Amino acid sequence: MKIDRDLIEEYLKKYLTKKAVLGVLVVLVLVFSFYSVKLMGAQSYSVINKRVATYTQEGVLLHTALLKNNTLYGDTLSREEYPIPLVENFLFTYRYRFNPGDVVRGNYSLTGKVTYSVNKGNQEVVLWEEELFSERGKLDNGKFLVNFGLNLEQLNNRTNEISEELGLKRLNRKITFEAKVDLIGVIAGKEVKESFTHTMNFMQDSTAGLYYFTNEKQTTQEVLTNTITRETSVRILGITTRVSTAKKVIPALLLLFLTPLLGGVYTIRSQMPPREFKGLEAFMIEGVPQHVSKKVFLASKEDLKKTFDLVDKPIMHYKDGDEDVYVIVDEGIAYEYREMNPKEQENA
């Protein structure tokens, strides 16, 4: 069965120029345009970091002073500050722990040093440095403990010797303890490599007459996570779908509905009176004149314009086959001007 192409085109033109159809197409284009813009900023995948384990490291310096004879504190004292005149020596315990400790192995070192310096303006100049002690070993179940002491009488004597050697009576003395740990292990299926450094200072405030310590405790905590990538979804017109799919389908539907809408608009515009009637479009209406008793045929557009100026009645427009018909009706007389479609004129 042969299909008449011209018949189909004519049917589509009539169908697409209906106001109801155009209205539906406009609504659909607006809806899918909204979702297309909305989807531009939507991510097709979401990344979730799921916490699977935590581990901590902690280093603590405990200190106790051995005192000279006194009636206030007794033989020993443990507190944040110590009165310098009463202290003979210090006993220390340094304790480190990694938790969970049964899944790691590693090495540690604990050192003490004394530094002698002078001030040059705002700059510190180190003149001499000595090691007080050094301990090294392997972690036991993720931890270690070291006991050591500091003989202040010996330290003060050594300070005096260095001061005499340098010929400087006013030397700054700083005592530093430093713990270092390097370890490796497997936690929650993940390999862990960590380094831990803990620096503590033994301070002397001669003005206040006190010994004290800084940074006696240091703790770190780390979180292990697994990265999970999931496809995101979106709800459109009551339907839930993947964003990646919606980004393909919605623009395609927008184009699907936009094409006939533009075709319908173009068809309507093509059926509108040509621009030769510029200035008269506002007075033109679509329709076929009724109750006409007599027809007067006009030869040109200029005749139509002159007639309009004389009778001051609206110009009716309709199509009669391949012709555009323009009619002004006044008291039952139709002043009619016919113009053939430009495409038909070319074919002719």
C-alpha atoms as a PDB file:
ATOM      1  CA  MET A   1       0.000   0.000   0.000  1.00  0.00           C
ATOM      2  CA  LYS A   2       1.522   3.311  -1.089  1.00  0.00           C
ATOM      3  CA  ILE A   3       1.435   6.065   1.456  1.00  0.00           C
ATOM      4  CA  ASP A   4       0.814   9.580   0.247  1.00  0.00           C
ATOM      5  CA  ARG A   5       3.739  11.605   1.621  1.00  0.00           C
ATOM      6  CA  ASP A   6       2.008  14.939   1.034  1.00  0.00           C
ATOM      7  CA  LEU A   7      -1.036  13.686   2.920  1.00  0.00           C
ATOM      8  CA  ILE A   8       1.088  12.719   5.910  1.00  0.00           C
ATOM      9  CA  GLU A   9       2.872  16.095   5.905  1.00  0.00           C
ATOM     10  CA  GLU A  10      -0.458  17.899   5.767  1.00  0.00           C
ATOM     11  CA  TYR A  11      -1.809  15.819   8.646  1.00  0.00           C
ATOM     12  CA  LEU A  12       1.277  16.509  10.765  1.00  0.00           C
ATOM     13  CA  LYS A  13       1.027  20.233  10.068  1.00  0.00           C
ATOM     14  CA  LYS A  14      -2.591  20.332  11.184  1.00  0.00           C
ATOM     15  CA  TYR A  15      -1.879  18.149  14.232  1.00  0.00           C
ATOM     16  CA  LEU A  16       1.205  20.063  15.401  1.00  0.00           C
ATOM     17  CA  THR A  17      -0.444  23.450  15.032  1.00  0.00           C
ATOM     18  CA  LYS A  18      -3.270  22.599  17.404  1.00  0.00           C
ATOM     19  CA  LYS A  19      -3.078  24.657  20.570  1.00  0.00           C
ATOM     20  CA  ALA A  20      -3.682  21.658  22.853  1.00  0.00           C
ATOM     21  CA  VAL A  21      -0.842  19.693  21.263  1.00  0.00           C
ATOM     22  CA  LEU A  22       1.517  22.658  21.387  1.00  0.00           C
ATOM     23  CA  GLY A  23       0.573  23.257  25.016  1.00  0.00           C
ATOM     24  CA  VAL A  24       1.404  19.669  25.967  1.00  0.00           C
ATOM     25  CA  LEU A  25       4.711  19.861  24.095  1.00  0.00           C
ATOM     26  CA  VAL A  26       5.603  23.128  25.839  1.00  0.00           C
ATOM     27  CA  VAL A  27       4.919  21.567  29.256  1.00  0.00           C
ATOM     28  CA  LEU A  28       6.973  18.469  28.424  1.00  0.00           C
ATOM     29  CA  VAL A  29       9.876  20.555  27.116  1.00  0.00           C
ATOM     30  CA  LEU A  30       9.847  22.698  30.264  1.00  0.00           C
ATOM     31  CA  VAL A  31       9.740  19.625  32.538  1.00  0.00           C
ATOM     32  CA  PHE A  32      12.579  17.825  30.811  1.00  0.00           C
ATOM     33  CA  SER A  33      14.577  21.064  30.517  1.00  0.00           C
ATOM     34  CA  PHE A  34      14.303  21.454  34.291  1.00  0.00           C
ATOM     35  CA  TYR A  35      15.508  17.895  34.907  1.00  0.00           C
ATOM     36  CA  SER A  36      18.295  18.268  32.335  1.00  0.00           C
ATOM     37  CA  VAL A  37      19.639  21.349  34.137  1.00  0.00           C
ATOM     38  CA  LYS A  38      19.222  19.641  37.513  1.00  0.00           C
ATOM     39  CA  LEU A  39      21.144  16.568  36.337  1.00  0.00           C
ATOM     40  CA  MET A  40      24.059  18.692  35.135  1.00  0.00           C
ATOM     41  CA  GLY A  41      25.187  19.152  38.739  1.00  0.00           C
ATOM     42  CA  ALA A  42      24.363  15.610  39.858  1.00  0.00           C
ATOM     43  CA  GLN A  43      27.154  13.109  40.447  1.00  0.00           C
ATOM     44  CA  SER A  44      26.772   9.690  38.853  1.00  0.00           C
ATOM     45  CA  TYR A  45      28.729   8.065  41.668  1.00  0.00           C
ATOM     46  CA  SER A  46      29.128   8.783  45.373  1.00  0.00           C
ATOM     47  CA  VAL A  47      32.284   8.003  47.321  1.00  0.00           C
ATOM     48  CA  ILE A  48      31.827   6.810  50.893  1.00  0.00           C
ATOM     49  CA  ASN A  49      34.689   6.383  53.338  1.00  0.00           C
ATOM     50  CA  LYS A  50      33.717   3.629  55.739  1.00  0.00           C
ATOM     51  CA  ARG A  51      35.581   3.488  59.033  1.00  0.00           C
ATOM     52  CA  VAL A  52      37.048   0.011  59.581  1.00  0.00           C
ATOM     53  CA  ALA A  53      39.555   0.477  62.422  1.00  0.00           C
ATOM     54  CA  THR A  54      41.435   2.968  64.587  1.00  0.00           C
ATOM     55  CA  TYR A  55      44.821   2.841  66.244  1.00  0.00           C
ATOM     56  CA  THR A  56      46.521   5.053  68.813  1.00  0.00           C
ATOM     57  CA  GLN A  57      50.037   5.811  69.972  1.00  0.00           C
ATOM     58  CA  GLU A  58      50.839   7.264  73.361  1.00  0.00           C
ATOM     59  CA  GLY A  59      54.073   8.268  75.023  1.00  0.00           C
ATOM     60  CA  VAL A  60      54.229   9.375  78.686  1.00  0.00           C
ATOM     61  CA  LEU A  61      57.135  10.657  80.814  1.00  0.00           C
ATOM     62  CA  LEU A  62      56.707  10.039  84.549  1.00  0.00           C
ATOM     63  CA  HIS A  63      59.075  11.858  86.940  1.00  0.00           C
ATOM     64  CA  THR A  64      59.881  11.737  90.630  1.00  0.00           C
ATOM     65  CA  ALA A  65      62.347  13.966  92.504  1.00  0.00           C
ATOM     66  CA  LEU A  66      64.666  12.660  95.239  1.00  0.00           C
ATOM     67  CA  LEU A  67      64.830  15.438  97.807  1.00  0.00           C
ATOM     68  CA  LYS A  68      67.334  16.698 100.290  1.00  0.00           C
ATOM     69  CA  ASN A  69      66.507  16.571 103.971  1.00  0.00           C
ATOM     70  CA  ASN A  70      63.349  18.600 104.602  1.00  0.00           C
ATOM     71  CA  THR A  71      60.343  18.613 106.899  1.00  0.00           C
ATOM     72  CA  LEU A  72      57.800  19.439 104.181  1.00  0.00           C
ATOM     73  CA  TYR A  73      57.708  16.795 101.453  1.00  0.00           C
ATOM     74  CA  GLY A  74      59.729  13.869 102.744  1.00  0.00           C
ATOM     75  CA  ASP A  75      62.231  11.934 100.621  1.00  0.00           C
ATOM     76  CA  THR A  76      60.435  11.971  97.265  1.00  0.00           C
ATOM     77  CA  LEU A  77      58.070  14.230  95.410  1.00  0.00           C
ATOM     78  CA  SER A  78      56.022  13.894  92.203  1.00  0.00           C
ATOM     79  CA  ARG A  79      54.269  16.995  90.884  1.00  0.00           C
ATOM     80  CA  GLU A  80      54.306  19.442  87.987  1.00  0.00           C
ATOM     81  CA  GLU A  81      56.875  21.852  89.502  1.00  0.00           C
ATOM     82  CA  TYR A  82      59.711  21.193  91.927  1.00  0.00           C
ATOM     83  CA  PRO A  83      61.540  23.672  94.202  1.00  0.00           C
ATOM     84  CA  ILE A  84      65.137  23.807  92.951  1.00  0.00           C
ATOM     85  CA  PRO A  85      66.865  24.056  96.404  1.00  0.00           C
ATOM     86  CA  LEU A  86      65.283  20.787  97.611  1.00  0.00           C
ATOM     87  CA  VAL A  87      65.988  18.524  94.589  1.00  0.00           C
ATOM     88  CA  GLU A  88      69.052  16.282  94.480  1.00  0.00           C
ATOM     89  CA  ASN A  89      68.210  13.876  91.653  1.00  0.00           C
ATOM     90  CA  PHE A  90      65.376  12.822  89.364  1.00  0.00           C
ATOM     91  CA  LEU A  91      64.081   9.352  88.541  1.00  0.00           C
ATOM     92  CA  PHE A  92      62.183   8.913  85.265  1.00  0.00           C
ATOM     93  CA  THR A  93      60.006   6.299  83.626  1.00  0.00           C
ATOM     94  CA  TYR A  94      59.146   6.625  79.957  1.00  0.00           C
ATOM     95  CA  ARG A  95      56.304   4.483  78.706  1.00  0.00           C
ATOM     96  CA  TYR A  96      55.144   4.023  75.094  1.00  0.00           C
ATOM     97  CA  ARG A  97      52.176   1.988  73.845  1.00  0.00           C
ATOM     98  CA  PHE A  98      50.662   1.276  70.435  1.00  0.00           C
ATOM     99  CA  ASN A  99      47.088  -0.001  70.464  1.00  0.00           C
ATOM    100  CA  PRO A 100      46.361  -2.624  69.136  1.00  0.00           C
ATOM    101  CA  GLY A 101      49.896  -3.749  69.927  1.00  0.00           C
ATOM    102  CA  ASP A 102      49.696  -7.418  69.009  1.00  0.00           C
ATOM    103  CA  VAL A 103      49.616  -6.729  65.262  1.00  0.00           C
ATOM    104  CA  VAL A 104      52.752  -4.576  64.908  1.00  0.00           C
ATOM    105  CA  ARG A 105      56.483  -4.869  65.260  1.00  0.00           C
ATOM    106  CA  GLY A 106      59.151  -2.207  65.369  1.00  0.00           C
ATOM    107  CA  ASN A 107      62.107  -0.514  67.026  1.00  0.00           C
ATOM    108  CA  TYR A 108      62.458   2.312  69.504  1.00  0.00           C
ATOM    109  CA  SER A 109      65.093   4.680  70.815  1.00  0.00           C
ATOM    110  CA  LEU A 110      65.128   6.985  73.845  1.00  0.00           C
ATOM    111  CA  THR A 111      67.888   9.547  74.236  1.00  0.00           C
ATOM    112  CA  GLY A 112      68.726  12.423  76.544  1.00  0.00           C
ATOM    113  CA  LYS A 113      71.024  15.316  75.737  1.00  0.00           C
ATOM    114  CA  VAL A 114      72.138  18.595  77.255  1.00  0.00           C
ATOM    115  CA  THR A 115      72.786  21.665  75.105  1.00  0.00           C
ATOM    116  CA  TYR A 116      74.792  24.753  76.088  1.00  0.00           C
ATOM    117  CA  SER A 117      74.170  27.967  74.200  1.00  0.00           C
ATOM    118  CA  VAL A 118      74.314  31.762  74.330  1.00  0.00           C
ATOM    119  CA  ASN A 119      71.994  34.384  72.864  1.00  0.00           C
ATOM    120  CA  LYS A 120      73.160  36.533  69.968  1.00  0.00           C
ATOM    121  CA  GLY A 121      70.406  39.115  69.626  1.00  0.00           C
ATOM    122  CA  ASN A 122      67.298  37.048  68.896  1.00  0.00           C
ATOM    123  CA  GLN A 123      69.384  34.101  67.735  1.00  0.00           C
ATOM    124  CA  GLU A 124      70.418  31.123  69.847  1.00  0.00           C
ATOM    125  CA  VAL A 125      74.004  29.973  69.286  1.00  0.00           C
ATOM    126  CA  VAL A 126      74.770  26.387  70.411  1.00  0.00           C
ATOM    127  CA  LEU A 127      78.329  26.091  71.722  1.00  0.00           C
ATOM    128  CA  TRP A 128      78.353  22.541  73.093  1.00  0.00           C
ATOM    129  CA  GLU A 129      76.135  19.452  73.232  1.00  0.00           C
ATOM    130  CA  GLU A 130      76.476  16.183  75.133  1.00  0.00           C
ATOM    131  CA  GLU A 131      74.504  12.972  75.299  1.00  0.00           C
ATOM    132  CA  LEU A 132      73.223  12.060  78.756  1.00  0.00           C
ATOM    133  CA  PHE A 133      71.990   8.551  77.938  1.00  0.00           C
ATOM    134  CA  SER A 134      70.703   6.406  75.056  1.00  0.00           C
ATOM    135  CA  GLU A 135      68.437   3.353  75.056  1.00  0.00           C
ATOM    136  CA  ARG A 136      67.442   1.280  72.011  1.00  0.00           C
ATOM    137  CA  GLY A 137      65.465  -1.877  71.505  1.00  0.00           C
ATOM    138  CA  LYS A 138      62.517  -3.693  69.942  1.00  0.00           C
ATOM    139  CA  LEU A 139      58.869  -3.229  70.777  1.00  0.00           C
ATOM    140  CA  ASP A 140      57.235  -5.884  72.928  1.00  0.00           C
ATOM    141  CA  ASN A 141      53.584  -6.283  71.890  1.00  0.00           C
ATOM    142  CA  GLY A 142      53.616  -2.724  70.580  1.00  0.00           C
ATOM    143  CA  LYS A 143      55.085  -1.141  73.731  1.00  0.00           C
ATOM    144  CA  PHE A 144      58.276  -0.415  75.665  1.00  0.00           C
ATOM    145  CA  LEU A 145      59.251   1.013  79.042  1.00  0.00           C
ATOM    146  CA  VAL A 146      62.567   2.597  80.084  1.00  0.00           C
ATOM    147  CA  ASN A 147      63.677   3.743  83.545  1.00  0.00           C
ATOM    148  CA  PHE A 148      66.499   6.269  83.843  1.00  0.00           C
ATOM    149  CA  GLY A 149      67.798   8.905  86.217  1.00  0.00           C
ATOM    150  CA  LEU A 150      69.359  12.350  86.227  1.00  0.00           C
ATOM    151  CA  ASN A 151      72.003  13.244  88.803  1.00  0.00           C
ATOM    152  CA  LEU A 152      71.746  16.994  89.159  1.00  0.00           C
ATOM    153  CA  GLU A 153      74.908  17.322  91.252  1.00  0.00           C
ATOM    154  CA  GLN A 154      76.994  15.681  88.531  1.00  0.00           C
ATOM    155  CA  LEU A 155      75.197  17.705  85.860  1.00  0.00           C
ATOM    156  CA  ASN A 156      75.845  21.002  87.666  1.00  0.00           C
ATOM    157  CA  ASN A 157      79.532  20.121  88.105  1.00  0.00           C
ATOM    158  CA  ARG A 158      79.825  19.332  84.400  1.00  0.00           C
ATOM    159  CA  THR A 159      78.108  22.627  83.559  1.00  0.00           C
ATOM    160  CA  ASN A 160      80.667  24.530  85.629  1.00  0.00           C
ATOM    161  CA  GLU A 161      83.523  22.734  83.845  1.00  0.00           C
ATOM    162  CA  ILE A 162      82.168  23.635  80.411  1.00  0.00           C
ATOM    163  CA  SER A 163      81.579  27.227  81.488  1.00  0.00           C
ATOM    164  CA  GLU A 164      85.225  27.505  82.622  1.00  0.00           C
ATOM    165  CA  GLU A 165      86.472  25.881  79.414  1.00  0.00           C
ATOM    166  CA  LEU A 166      84.496  28.329  77.287  1.00  0.00           C
ATOM    167  CA  GLY A 167      85.331  31.271  79.514  1.00  0.00           C
ATOM    168  CA  LEU A 168      81.657  32.160  79.731  1.00  0.00           C
ATOM    169  CA  LYS A 169      79.895  32.545  83.056  1.00  0.00           C
ATOM    170  CA  ARG A 170      76.387  32.935  81.615  1.00  0.00           C
ATOM    171  CA  LEU A 171      75.513  29.817  79.626  1.00  0.00           C
ATOM    172  CA  ASN A 172      72.026  28.654  78.751  1.00  0.00           C
ATOM    173  CA  ARG A 173      71.495  24.984  79.551  1.00  0.00           C
ATOM    174  CA  LYS A 174      68.695  22.945  77.996  1.00  0.00           C
ATOM    175  CA  ILE A 175      67.982  19.286  78.723  1.00  0.00           C
ATOM    176  CA  THR A 176      65.942  17.351  76.170  1.00  0.00           C
ATOM    177  CA  PHE A 177      64.581  13.813  76.139  1.00  0.00           C
ATOM    178  CA  GLU A 178      63.461  12.338  72.808  1.00  0.00           C
ATOM    179  CA  ALA A 179      61.657   9.091  72.048  1.00  0.00           C
ATOM    180  CA  LYS A 180      61.418   7.691  68.510  1.00  0.00           C
ATOM    181  CA  VAL A 181      59.455   4.684  67.285  1.00  0.00           C
ATOM    182  CA  ASP A 182      59.290   3.108  63.825  1.00  0.00           C
ATOM    183  CA  LEU A 183      56.839   0.270  63.325  1.00  0.00           C
ATOM    184  CA  ILE A 184      54.967  -1.766  60.761  1.00  0.00           C
ATOM    185  CA  GLY A 185      51.935  -4.017  60.982  1.00  0.00           C
ATOM    186  CA  VAL A 186      48.604  -5.083  59.500  1.00  0.00           C
ATOM    187  CA  ILE A 187      45.319  -3.737  60.877  1.00  0.00           C
ATOM    188  CA  ALA A 188      41.942  -4.671  59.373  1.00  0.00           C
ATOM    189  CA  GLY A 189      43.718  -6.034  56.324  1.00  0.00           C
ATOM    190  CA  LYS A 190      45.636  -2.803  55.713  1.00  0.00           C
ATOM    191  CA  GLU A 191      49.389  -2.383  56.037  1.00  0.00           C
ATOM    192  CA  VAL A 192      50.336   0.294  58.543  1.00  0.00           C
ATOM    193  CA  LYS A 193      53.682   2.067  58.700  1.00  0.00           C
ATOM    194  CA  GLU A 194      54.108   4.647  61.422  1.00  0.00           C
ATOM    195  CA  SER A 195      56.796   6.869  62.918  1.00  0.00           C
ATOM    196  CA  PHE A 196      56.363   8.428  66.330  1.00  0.00           C
ATOM    197  CA  THR A 197      58.543  11.196  67.773  1.00  0.00           C
ATOM    198  CA  HIS A 198      58.060  12.576  71.267  1.00  0.00           C
ATOM    199  CA  THR A 199      60.271  15.457  72.475  1.00  0.00           C
ATOM    200  CA  MET A 200      60.236  16.508  76.151  1.00  0.00           C
ATOM    201  CA  ASN A 201      62.156  19.318  77.839  1.00  0.00           C
ATOM    202  CA  PHE A 202      63.466  19.582  81.401  1.00  0.00           C
ATOM    203  CA  MET A 203      63.241  23.280  82.270  1.00  0.00           C
ATOM    204  CA  GLN A 204      64.827  25.388  85.017  1.00  0.00           C
ATOM    205  CA  ASP A 205      63.284  28.706  85.997  1.00  0.00           C
ATOM    206  CA  SER A 206      65.908  30.334  88.183  1.00  0.00           C
ATOM    207  CA  THR A 207      63.768  33.411  88.816  1.00  0.00           C
ATOM    208  CA  ALA A 208      60.879  31.348  90.206  1.00  0.00           C
ATOM    209  CA  GLY A 209      63.254  28.775  91.724  1.00  0.00           C
ATOM    210  CA  LEU A 210      61.469  25.838  90.039  1.00  0.00           C
ATOM    211  CA  TYR A 211      62.146  22.796  87.866  1.00  0.00           C
ATOM    212  CA  TYR A 212      59.376  21.704  85.488  1.00  0.00           C
ATOM    213  CA  PHE A 213      58.792  19.662  82.315  1.00  0.00           C
ATOM    214  CA  THR A 214      57.073  20.363  78.987  1.00  0.00           C
ATOM    215  CA  ASN A 215      55.194  18.005  76.667  1.00  0.00           C
ATOM    216  CA  GLU A 216      55.227  15.107  79.120  1.00  0.00           C
ATOM    217  CA  LYS A 217      52.435  13.273  77.271  1.00  0.00           C
ATOM    218  CA  GLN A 218      51.825  12.877  73.556  1.00  0.00           C
ATOM    219  CA  THR A 219      48.978  10.948  71.939  1.00  0.00           C
ATOM    220  CA  THR A 220      48.092  10.389  68.284  1.00  0.00           C
ATOM    221  CA  GLN A 221      45.112   8.627  66.746  1.00  0.00           C
ATOM    222  CA  GLU A 222      44.575   7.494  63.171  1.00  0.00           C
ATOM    223  CA  VAL A 223      41.488   6.126  61.431  1.00  0.00           C
ATOM    224  CA  LEU A 224      41.584   3.454  58.735  1.00  0.00           C
ATOM    225  CA  THR A 225      38.849   3.629  56.122  1.00  0.00           C
ATOM    226  CA  ASN A 226      37.654   1.698  53.105  1.00  0.00           C
ATOM    227  CA  THR A 227      36.536   3.716  50.112  1.00  0.00           C
ATOM    228  CA  ILE A 228      33.237   2.520  48.646  1.00  0.00           C
ATOM    229  CA  THR A 229      31.959   3.831  45.310  1.00  0.00           C
ATOM    230  CA  ARG A 230      28.219   3.615  44.713  1.00  0.00           C
ATOM    231  CA  GLU A 231      26.004   4.618  41.820  1.00  0.00           C
ATOM    232  CA  THR A 232      23.633   7.410  42.792  1.00  0.00           C
ATOM    233  CA  SER A 233      19.937   7.463  41.887  1.00  0.00           C
ATOM    234  CA  VAL A 234      17.407  10.187  41.208  1.00  0.00           C
ATOM    235  CA  ARG A 235      13.595  10.291  41.225  1.00  0.00           C
ATOM    236  CA  ILE A 236      12.013  11.772  38.108  1.00  0.00           C
ATOM    237  CA  LEU A 237       8.244  11.950  37.615  1.00  0.00           C
ATOM    238  CA  GLY A 238       7.758   9.271  40.279  1.00  0.00           C
ATOM    239  CA  ILE A 239      10.330   6.927  38.733  1.00  0.00           C
ATOM    240  CA  THR A 240      13.626   6.139  40.472  1.00  0.00           C
ATOM    241  CA  THR A 241      16.555   5.580  38.148  1.00  0.00           C
ATOM    242  CA  ARG A 242      20.334   5.787  38.129  1.00  0.00           C
ATOM    243  CA  VAL A 243      21.789   9.247  37.553  1.00  0.00           C
ATOM    244  CA  SER A 244      24.075   7.920  34.805  1.00  0.00           C
ATOM    245  CA  THR A 245      21.039   6.560  32.944  1.00  0.00           C
ATOM    246  CA  ALA A 246      18.970   9.697  33.539  1.00  0.00           C
ATOM    247  CA  LYS A 247      21.762  11.883  32.122  1.00  0.00           C
ATOM    248  CA  LYS A 248      21.384  10.015  28.825  1.00  0.00           C
ATOM    249  CA  VAL A 249      17.618   9.530  28.703  1.00  0.00           C
ATOM    250  CA  ILE A 250      16.358  12.955  29.857  1.00  0.00           C
ATOM    251  CA  PRO A 251      18.256  15.042  27.236  1.00  0.00           C
ATOM    252  CA  ALA A 252      17.127  12.548  24.584  1.00  0.00           C
ATOM    253  CA  LEU A 253      13.483  12.967  25.644  1.00  0.00           C
ATOM    254  CA  LEU A 254      13.945  16.745  25.705  1.00  0.00           C
ATOM    255  CA  LEU A 255      15.174  16.644  22.106  1.00  0.00           C
ATOM    256  CA  LEU A 256      12.339  14.273  21.180  1.00  0.00           C
ATOM    257  CA  PHE A 257       9.658  16.711  22.376  1.00  0.00           C
ATOM    258  CA  LEU A 258      11.514  19.887  21.363  1.00  0.00           C
ATOM    259  CA  THR A 259      11.755  18.869  17.698  1.00  0.00           C
ATOM    260  CA  PRO A 260       7.975  18.685  17.019  1.00  0.00           C
ATOM    261  CA  LEU A 261       7.432  21.810  19.129  1.00  0.00           C
ATOM    262  CA  LEU A 262       9.845  23.787  16.977  1.00  0.00           C
ATOM    263  CA  GLY A 263       8.255  22.242  13.887  1.00  0.00           C
ATOM    264  CA  GLY A 264       4.803  23.319  15.026  1.00  0.00           C
ATOM    265  CA  VAL A 265       5.965  26.850  15.803  1.00  0.00           C
ATOM    266  CA  TYR A 266       7.683  27.060  12.434  1.00  0.00           C
ATOM    267  CA  THR A 267       4.527  25.826  10.679  1.00  0.00           C
ATOM    268  CA  ILE A 268       2.384  28.424  12.443  1.00  0.00           C
ATOM    269  CA  ARG A 269       4.827  31.192  11.578  1.00  0.00           C
ATOM    270  CA  SER A 270       4.947  30.049   7.974  1.00  0.00           C
ATOM    271  CA  GLN A 271       1.154  30.310   7.807  1.00  0.00           C
ATOM    272  CA  MET A 272       1.131  33.828   9.171  1.00  0.00           C
ATOM    273  CA  PRO A 273       0.672  36.733   6.774  1.00  0.00           C
ATOM    274  CA  PRO A 274       3.903  37.741   5.087  1.00  0.00           C
ATOM    275  CA  ARG A 275       5.806  40.754   6.298  1.00  0.00           C
ATOM    276  CA  GLU A 276       4.710  42.706   3.232  1.00  0.00           C
ATOM    277  CA  PHE A 277       1.725  43.666   5.405  1.00  0.00           C
ATOM    278  CA  LYS A 278       3.968  45.285   7.979  1.00  0.00           C
ATOM    279  CA  GLY A 279       1.890  47.616  10.114  1.00  0.00           C
ATOM    280  CA  LEU A 280      -1.345  45.717   9.436  1.00  0.00           C
ATOM    281  CA  GLU A 281      -0.606  42.471  11.321  1.00  0.00           C
ATOM    282  CA  ALA A 282      -2.300  43.816  14.444  1.00  0.00           C
ATOM    283  CA  PHE A 283      -5.538  44.180  12.455  1.00  0.00           C
ATOM    284  CA  MET A 284      -5.487  40.714  10.903  1.00  0.00           C
ATOM    285  CA  ILE A 285      -7.509  37.773  12.182  1.00  0.00           C
ATOM    286  CA  GLU A 286      -7.706  34.141  11.077  1.00  0.00           C
ATOM    287  CA  GLY A 287     -11.061  33.070   9.708  1.00  0.00           C
ATOM    288  CA  VAL A 288     -13.366  32.737   6.698  1.00  0.00           C
ATOM    289  CA  PRO A 289     -15.910  35.519   6.076  1.00  0.00           C
ATOM    290  CA  GLN A 290     -19.608  34.677   6.414  1.00  0.00           C
ATOM    291  CA  HIS A 291     -22.780  36.265   4.966  1.00  0.00           C
ATOM    292  CA  VAL A 292     -21.094  37.795   1.938  1.00  0.00           C
ATOM    293  CA  SER A 293     -23.466  39.073  -0.727  1.00  0.00           C
ATOM    294  CA  LYS A 294     -20.895  40.412  -3.139  1.00  0.00           C
ATOM    295  CA  LYS A 295     -17.173  40.028  -3.814  1.00  0.00           C
ATOM    296  CA  VAL A 296     -14.781  42.645  -5.107  1.00  0.00           C
ATOM    297  CA  PHE A 297     -11.394  41.254  -6.188  1.00  0.00           C
ATOM    298  CA  LEU A 298      -8.376  43.432  -5.494  1.00  0.00           C
ATOM    299  CA  ALA A 299      -5.371  43.316  -7.768  1.00  0.00           C
ATOM    300  CA  SER A 300      -2.546  44.093  -5.331  1.00  0.00           C
ATOM    301  CA  LYS A 301      -1.457  44.487  -1.737  1.00  0.00           C
ATOM    302  CA  GLU A 302      -1.567  48.218  -2.152  1.00  0.00           C
ATOM    303  CA  ASP A 303      -5.263  47.997  -3.082  1.00  0.00           C
ATOM    304  CA  LEU A 304      -5.844  45.934   0.074  1.00  0.00           C
ATOM    305  CA  LYS A 305      -4.065  48.542   2.213  1.00  0.00           C
ATOM    306  CA  LYS A 306      -6.051  51.413   0.647  1.00  0.00           C
ATOM    307  CA  THR A 307      -9.325  49.537   1.205  1.00  0.00           C
ATOM    308  CA  PHE A 308      -8.407  48.987   4.831  1.00  0.00           C
ATOM    309  CA  ASP A 309      -7.692  52.697   5.272  1.00  0.00           C
ATOM    310  CA  LEU A 310     -11.091  53.563   3.765  1.00  0.00           C
ATOM    311  CA  VAL A 311     -13.423  51.107   5.523  1.00  0.00           C
ATOM    312  CA  ASP A 312     -11.394  50.654   8.768  1.00  0.00           C
ATOM    313  CA  LYS A 313     -12.458  46.998   9.206  1.00  0.00           C
ATOM    314  CA  PRO A 314     -10.278  44.022  10.238  1.00  0.00           C
ATOM    315  CA  ILE A 315      -8.536  41.937   7.589  1.00  0.00           C
ATOM    316  CA  MET A 316      -9.504  38.273   7.631  1.00  0.00           C
ATOM    317  CA  HIS A 317      -6.969  35.688   6.502  1.00  0.00           C
ATOM    318  CA  TYR A 318      -7.402  32.066   5.477  1.00  0.00           C
ATOM    319  CA  LYS A 319      -5.878  29.595   3.040  1.00  0.00           C
ATOM    320  CA  ASP A 320      -7.700  28.377  -0.019  1.00  0.00           C
ATOM    321  CA  GLY A 321      -5.655  25.547  -1.491  1.00  0.00           C
ATOM    322  CA  ASP A 322      -2.272  27.030  -2.427  1.00  0.00           C
ATOM    323  CA  GLU A 323      -3.406  30.607  -1.998  1.00  0.00           C
ATOM    324  CA  ASP A 324      -3.415  32.999   0.962  1.00  0.00           C
ATOM    325  CA  VAL A 325      -6.688  34.912   0.948  1.00  0.00           C
ATOM    326  CA  TYR A 326      -7.065  38.336   2.593  1.00  0.00           C
ATOM    327  CA  VAL A 327     -10.615  39.710   2.939  1.00  0.00           C
ATOM    328  CA  ILE A 328     -12.119  42.915   4.284  1.00  0.00           C
ATOM    329  CA  VAL A 329     -15.893  42.693   4.762  1.00  0.00           C
ATOM    330  CA  ASP A 330     -17.962  45.883   4.821  1.00  0.00           C
ATOM    331  CA  GLU A 331     -21.782  45.818   4.750  1.00  0.00           C
ATOM    332  CA  GLY A 332     -21.892  42.368   3.079  1.00  0.00           C
ATOM    333  CA  ILE A 333     -19.303  43.251   0.438  1.00  0.00           C
ATOM    334  CA  ALA A 334     -16.031  41.251   0.599  1.00  0.00           C
ATOM    335  CA  TYR A 335     -12.964  43.017  -0.747  1.00  0.00           C
ATOM    336  CA  GLU A 336     -10.696  40.058  -1.501  1.00  0.00           C
ATOM    337  CA  TYR A 337      -7.024  39.817  -2.367  1.00  0.00           C
ATOM    338  CA  ARG A 338      -5.478  36.458  -3.251  1.00  0.00           C
ATOM    339  CA  GLU A 339      -1.793  35.626  -3.200  1.00  0.00           C
ATOM    340  CA  MET A 340      -0.220  32.343  -4.255  1.00  0.00           C
ATOM    341  CA  ASN A 341       2.238  30.601  -1.891  1.00  0.00           C
ATOM    342  CA  PRO A 342       5.822  31.537  -2.910  1.00  0.00           C
ATOM    343  CA  LYS A 343       6.825  27.837  -3.196  1.00  0.00           C
ATOM    344  CA  GLU A 344       3.906  27.181  -5.537  1.00  0.00           C
ATOM    345  CA  GLN A 345       4.894  30.209  -7.589  1.00  0.00           C
ATOM    346  CA  GLU A 346       8.355  28.756  -8.037  1.00  0.00           C
ATOM    347  CA  ASN A 347       6.929  25.369  -9.036  1.00  0.00           C
ATOM    348  CA  ALA A 348       4.617  27.100 -11.460  1.00  0.00           C
END
